[in-house]
Amino acid sequence: MQLFDILGKNVFTATQDANTSTITLENLNLNSGVYLLKLSTESGQSYVKKIVKN
């Protein structure tokens, strides 16, 4: 999982093992703005979700 700011700067990266189903983003101290969350699977598929932090 990667989190990018709207300018494309990587602000957070996390990997998840098979035994973990949750990653928390609450304590990242992010500024208000728009971020892109990219999830990548082991099979090579990627999903991108826009996140707006107020």
PDB file of N, CA and C in Angstrom:
ATOM      1  N   MET A   1       0.839  -1.164   0.000  1.00  0.00           N
ATOM      2  CA  MET A   1       0.000   0.000   0.000  1.00  0.00           C
ATOM      3  C   MET A   1       0.888   1.232   0.000  1.00  0.00           C
ATOM      4  N   GLN A   2       0.514   2.192  -0.809  1.00  0.00           N
ATOM      5  CA  GLN A   2       1.235   3.454  -0.855  1.00  0.00           C
ATOM      6  C   GLN A   2       0.231   4.594  -0.792  1.00  0.00           C
ATOM      7  N   LEU A   3       0.621   5.679  -0.139  1.00  0.00           N
ATOM      8  CA  LEU A   3      -0.206   6.874  -0.051  1.00  0.00           C
ATOM      9  C   LEU A   3       0.592   8.033  -0.630  1.00  0.00           C
ATOM     10  N   PHE A   4       0.010   8.713  -1.620  1.00  0.00           N
ATOM     11  CA  PHE A   4       0.668   9.819  -2.306  1.00  0.00           C
ATOM     12  C   PHE A   4      -0.110  11.106  -2.078  1.00  0.00           C
ATOM     13  N   ASP A   5       0.603  12.242  -1.981  1.00  0.00           N
ATOM     14  CA  ASP A   5      -0.110  13.517  -1.965  1.00  0.00           C
ATOM     15  C   ASP A   5      -0.492  13.864  -3.398  1.00  0.00           C
ATOM     16  N   ILE A   6      -1.210  14.941  -3.589  1.00  0.00           N
ATOM     17  CA  ILE A   6      -1.738  15.287  -4.901  1.00  0.00           C
ATOM     18  C   ILE A   6      -0.628  15.618  -5.900  1.00  0.00           C
ATOM     19  N   LEU A   7       0.572  15.928  -5.419  1.00  0.00           N
ATOM     20  CA  LEU A   7       1.698  16.210  -6.299  1.00  0.00           C
ATOM     21  C   LEU A   7       2.467  14.943  -6.685  1.00  0.00           C
ATOM     22  N   GLY A   8       2.061  13.811  -6.137  1.00  0.00           N
ATOM     23  CA  GLY A   8       2.696  12.546  -6.462  1.00  0.00           C
ATOM     24  C   GLY A   8       3.799  12.112  -5.520  1.00  0.00           C
ATOM     25  N   LYS A   9       4.012  12.866  -4.444  1.00  0.00           N
ATOM     26  CA  LYS A   9       5.040  12.511  -3.460  1.00  0.00           C
ATOM     27  C   LYS A   9       4.519  11.377  -2.570  1.00  0.00           C
ATOM     28  N   ASN A  10       5.324  10.338  -2.421  1.00  0.00           N
ATOM     29  CA  ASN A  10       4.955   9.220  -1.562  1.00  0.00           C
ATOM     30  C   ASN A  10       5.079   9.671  -0.109  1.00  0.00           C
ATOM     31  N   VAL A  11       3.965   9.686   0.638  1.00  0.00           N
ATOM     32  CA  VAL A  11       3.981  10.137   2.028  1.00  0.00           C
ATOM     33  C   VAL A  11       3.880   8.976   3.021  1.00  0.00           C
ATOM     34  N   PHE A  12       3.555   7.769   2.520  1.00  0.00           N
ATOM     35  CA  PHE A  12       3.447   6.612   3.407  1.00  0.00           C
ATOM     36  C   PHE A  12       3.483   5.340   2.570  1.00  0.00           C
ATOM     37  N   THR A  13       4.209   4.342   3.059  1.00  0.00           N
ATOM     38  CA  THR A  13       4.246   3.031   2.414  1.00  0.00           C
ATOM     39  C   THR A  13       4.121   1.971   3.495  1.00  0.00           C
ATOM     40  N   ALA A  14       3.332   0.960   3.217  1.00  0.00           N
ATOM     41  CA  ALA A  14       3.183  -0.154   4.154  1.00  0.00           C
ATOM     42  C   ALA A  14       3.043  -1.445   3.371  1.00  0.00           C
ATOM     43  N   THR A  15       3.571  -2.506   3.934  1.00  0.00           N
ATOM     44  CA  THR A  15       3.354  -3.833   3.369  1.00  0.00           C
ATOM     45  C   THR A  15       2.506  -4.617   4.358  1.00  0.00           C
ATOM     46  N   GLN A  16       1.775  -5.557   3.841  1.00  0.00           N
ATOM     47  CA  GLN A  16       0.854  -6.320   4.676  1.00  0.00           C
ATOM     48  C   GLN A  16       1.150  -7.796   4.493  1.00  0.00           C
ATOM     49  N   ASP A  17       1.303  -8.501   5.598  1.00  0.00           N
ATOM     50  CA  ASP A  17       1.497  -9.939   5.484  1.00  0.00           C
ATOM     51  C   ASP A  17       0.141 -10.641   5.468  1.00  0.00           C
ATOM     52  N   ALA A  18       0.152 -11.914   5.223  1.00  0.00           N
ATOM     53  CA  ALA A  18      -1.091 -12.673   5.067  1.00  0.00           C
ATOM     54  C   ALA A  18      -1.921 -12.726   6.345  1.00  0.00           C
ATOM     55  N   ASN A  19      -1.323 -12.475   7.504  1.00  0.00           N
ATOM     56  CA  ASN A  19      -2.043 -12.569   8.776  1.00  0.00           C
ATOM     57  C   ASN A  19      -2.658 -11.253   9.222  1.00  0.00           C
ATOM     58  N   THR A  20      -2.434 -10.167   8.481  1.00  0.00           N
ATOM     59  CA  THR A  20      -2.933  -8.857   8.862  1.00  0.00           C
ATOM     60  C   THR A  20      -3.993  -8.410   7.878  1.00  0.00           C
ATOM     61  N   SER A  21      -5.140  -7.972   8.393  1.00  0.00           N
ATOM     62  CA  SER A  21      -6.210  -7.539   7.501  1.00  0.00           C
ATOM     63  C   SER A  21      -6.484  -6.039   7.595  1.00  0.00           C
ATOM     64  N   THR A  22      -5.787  -5.323   8.497  1.00  0.00           N
ATOM     65  CA  THR A  22      -6.061  -3.901   8.704  1.00  0.00           C
ATOM     66  C   THR A  22      -4.765  -3.099   8.775  1.00  0.00           C
ATOM     67  N   ILE A  23      -4.762  -1.953   8.095  1.00  0.00           N
ATOM     68  CA  ILE A  23      -3.690  -0.979   8.224  1.00  0.00           C
ATOM     69  C   ILE A  23      -4.351   0.337   8.597  1.00  0.00           C
ATOM     70  N   THR A  24      -3.902   0.983   9.681  1.00  0.00           N
ATOM     71  CA  THR A  24      -4.512   2.214  10.168  1.00  0.00           C
ATOM     72  C   THR A  24      -3.709   3.424   9.699  1.00  0.00           C
ATOM     73  N   LEU A  25      -4.428   4.432   9.186  1.00  0.00           N
ATOM     74  CA  LEU A  25      -3.795   5.660   8.708  1.00  0.00           C
ATOM     75  C   LEU A  25      -4.054   6.838   9.641  1.00  0.00           C
ATOM     76  N   GLU A  26      -4.638   6.606  10.793  1.00  0.00           N
ATOM     77  CA  GLU A  26      -5.068   7.681  11.690  1.00  0.00           C
ATOM     78  C   GLU A  26      -3.925   8.509  12.265  1.00  0.00           C
ATOM     79  N   ASN A  27      -2.781   7.932  12.508  1.00  0.00           N
ATOM     80  CA  ASN A  27      -1.693   8.615  13.215  1.00  0.00           C
ATOM     81  C   ASN A  27      -0.603   9.137  12.289  1.00  0.00           C
ATOM     82  N   LEU A  28      -0.936   9.464  11.054  1.00  0.00           N
ATOM     83  CA  LEU A  28       0.075   9.900  10.097  1.00  0.00           C
ATOM     84  C   LEU A  28       0.354  11.400  10.131  1.00  0.00           C
ATOM     85  N   ASN A  29      -0.447  12.177  10.832  1.00  0.00           N
ATOM     86  CA  ASN A  29      -0.273  13.636  10.890  1.00  0.00           C
ATOM     87  C   ASN A  29      -0.244  14.273   9.507  1.00  0.00           C
ATOM     88  N   LEU A  30      -1.202  13.908   8.673  1.00  0.00           N
ATOM     89  CA  LEU A  30      -1.294  14.445   7.318  1.00  0.00           C
ATOM     90  C   LEU A  30      -1.962  15.810   7.326  1.00  0.00           C
ATOM     91  N   ASN A  31      -1.502  16.694   6.456  1.00  0.00           N
ATOM     92  CA  ASN A  31      -2.165  17.980   6.271  1.00  0.00           C
ATOM     93  C   ASN A  31      -3.486  17.767   5.551  1.00  0.00           C
ATOM     94  N   SER A  32      -4.391  18.730   5.672  1.00  0.00           N
ATOM     95  CA  SER A  32      -5.635  18.672   4.921  1.00  0.00           C
ATOM     96  C   SER A  32      -5.303  18.686   3.437  1.00  0.00           C
ATOM     97  N   GLY A  33      -6.063  17.923   2.652  1.00  0.00           N
ATOM     98  CA  GLY A  33      -5.827  17.896   1.216  1.00  0.00           C
ATOM     99  C   GLY A  33      -6.289  16.604   0.591  1.00  0.00           C
ATOM    100  N   VAL A  34      -5.906  16.413  -0.656  1.00  0.00           N
ATOM    101  CA  VAL A  34      -6.296  15.240  -1.427  1.00  0.00           C
ATOM    102  C   VAL A  34      -5.105  14.294  -1.518  1.00  0.00           C
ATOM    103  N   TYR A  35      -5.366  13.013  -1.296  1.00  0.00           N
ATOM    104  CA  TYR A  35      -4.342  11.985  -1.343  1.00  0.00           C
ATOM    105  C   TYR A  35      -4.829  10.842  -2.221  1.00  0.00           C
ATOM    106  N   LEU A  36      -3.895  10.090  -2.769  1.00  0.00           N
ATOM    107  CA  LEU A  36      -4.218   8.909  -3.563  1.00  0.00           C
ATOM    108  C   LEU A  36      -3.654   7.684  -2.859  1.00  0.00           C
ATOM    109  N   LEU A  37      -4.537   6.723  -2.597  1.00  0.00           N
ATOM    110  CA  LEU A  37      -4.164   5.475  -1.945  1.00  0.00           C
ATOM    111  C   LEU A  37      -4.060   4.400  -3.017  1.00  0.00           C
ATOM    112  N   LYS A  38      -2.894   3.773  -3.131  1.00  0.00           N
ATOM    113  CA  LYS A  38      -2.678   2.739  -4.135  1.00  0.00           C
ATOM    114  C   LYS A  38      -2.474   1.405  -3.441  1.00  0.00           C
ATOM    115  N   LEU A  39      -3.327   0.456  -3.777  1.00  0.00           N
ATOM    116  CA  LEU A  39      -3.220  -0.898  -3.249  1.00  0.00           C
ATOM    117  C   LEU A  39      -2.772  -1.805  -4.382  1.00  0.00           C
ATOM    118  N   SER A  40      -1.779  -2.621  -4.139  1.00  0.00           N
ATOM    119  CA  SER A  40      -1.270  -3.552  -5.145  1.00  0.00           C
ATOM    120  C   SER A  40      -1.357  -4.968  -4.602  1.00  0.00           C
ATOM    121  N   THR A  41      -1.821  -5.885  -5.453  1.00  0.00           N
ATOM    122  CA  THR A  41      -1.942  -7.281  -5.057  1.00  0.00           C
ATOM    123  C   THR A  41      -0.692  -8.049  -5.466  1.00  0.00           C
ATOM    124  N   GLU A  42      -0.542  -9.232  -4.910  1.00  0.00           N
ATOM    125  CA  GLU A  42       0.590 -10.082  -5.261  1.00  0.00           C
ATOM    126  C   GLU A  42       0.547 -10.502  -6.719  1.00  0.00           C
ATOM    127  N   SER A  43      -0.656 -10.521  -7.311  1.00  0.00           N
ATOM    128  CA  SER A  43      -0.795 -10.929  -8.713  1.00  0.00           C
ATOM    129  C   SER A  43      -0.516  -9.780  -9.681  1.00  0.00           C
ATOM    130  N   GLY A  44      -0.193  -8.584  -9.138  1.00  0.00           N
ATOM    131  CA  GLY A  44       0.166  -7.462  -9.990  1.00  0.00           C
ATOM    132  C   GLY A  44      -0.949  -6.469 -10.277  1.00  0.00           C
ATOM    133  N   GLN A  45      -2.151  -6.716  -9.774  1.00  0.00           N
ATOM    134  CA  GLN A  45      -3.240  -5.764  -9.961  1.00  0.00           C
ATOM    135  C   GLN A  45      -3.073  -4.590  -9.016  1.00  0.00           C
ATOM    136  N   SER A  46      -3.457  -3.389  -9.473  1.00  0.00           N
ATOM    137  CA  SER A  46      -3.385  -2.194  -8.644  1.00  0.00           C
ATOM    138  C   SER A  46      -4.731  -1.498  -8.613  1.00  0.00           C
ATOM    139  N   TYR A  47      -5.053  -0.932  -7.470  1.00  0.00           N
ATOM    140  CA  TYR A  47      -6.287  -0.182  -7.283  1.00  0.00           C
ATOM    141  C   TYR A  47      -5.917   1.164  -6.666  1.00  0.00           C
ATOM    142  N   VAL A  48      -6.528   2.242  -7.163  1.00  0.00           N
ATOM    143  CA  VAL A  48      -6.239   3.579  -6.653  1.00  0.00           C
ATOM    144  C   VAL A  48      -7.542   4.190  -6.164  1.00  0.00           C
ATOM    145  N   LYS A  49      -7.503   4.786  -4.968  1.00  0.00           N
ATOM    146  CA  LYS A  49      -8.666   5.422  -4.369  1.00  0.00           C
ATOM    147  C   LYS A  49      -8.278   6.827  -3.926  1.00  0.00           C
ATOM    148  N   LYS A  50      -9.111   7.805  -4.225  1.00  0.00           N
ATOM    149  CA  LYS A  50      -8.874   9.182  -3.788  1.00  0.00           C
ATOM    150  C   LYS A  50      -9.381   9.338  -2.367  1.00  0.00           C
ATOM    151  N   ILE A  51      -8.567   9.983  -1.522  1.00  0.00           N
ATOM    152  CA  ILE A  51      -8.928  10.255  -0.144  1.00  0.00           C
ATOM    153  C   ILE A  51      -8.832  11.751   0.088  1.00  0.00           C
ATOM    154  N   VAL A  52      -9.851  12.355   0.692  1.00  0.00           N
ATOM    155  CA  VAL A  52      -9.848  13.778   1.020  1.00  0.00           C
ATOM    156  C   VAL A  52      -9.801  13.908   2.523  1.00  0.00           C
ATOM    157  N   LYS A  53      -8.769  14.588   3.051  1.00  0.00           N
ATOM    158  CA  LYS A  53      -8.642  14.818   4.480  1.00  0.00           C
ATOM    159  C   LYS A  53      -8.984  16.273   4.768  1.00  0.00           C
ATOM    160  N   ASN A  54      -9.958  16.480   5.637  1.00  0.00           N
ATOM    161  CA  ASN A  54     -10.379  17.840   6.016  1.00  0.00           C
ATOM    162  C   ASN A  54      -9.570  18.352   7.176  1.00  0.00           C
TER     163      ASN A  54
END
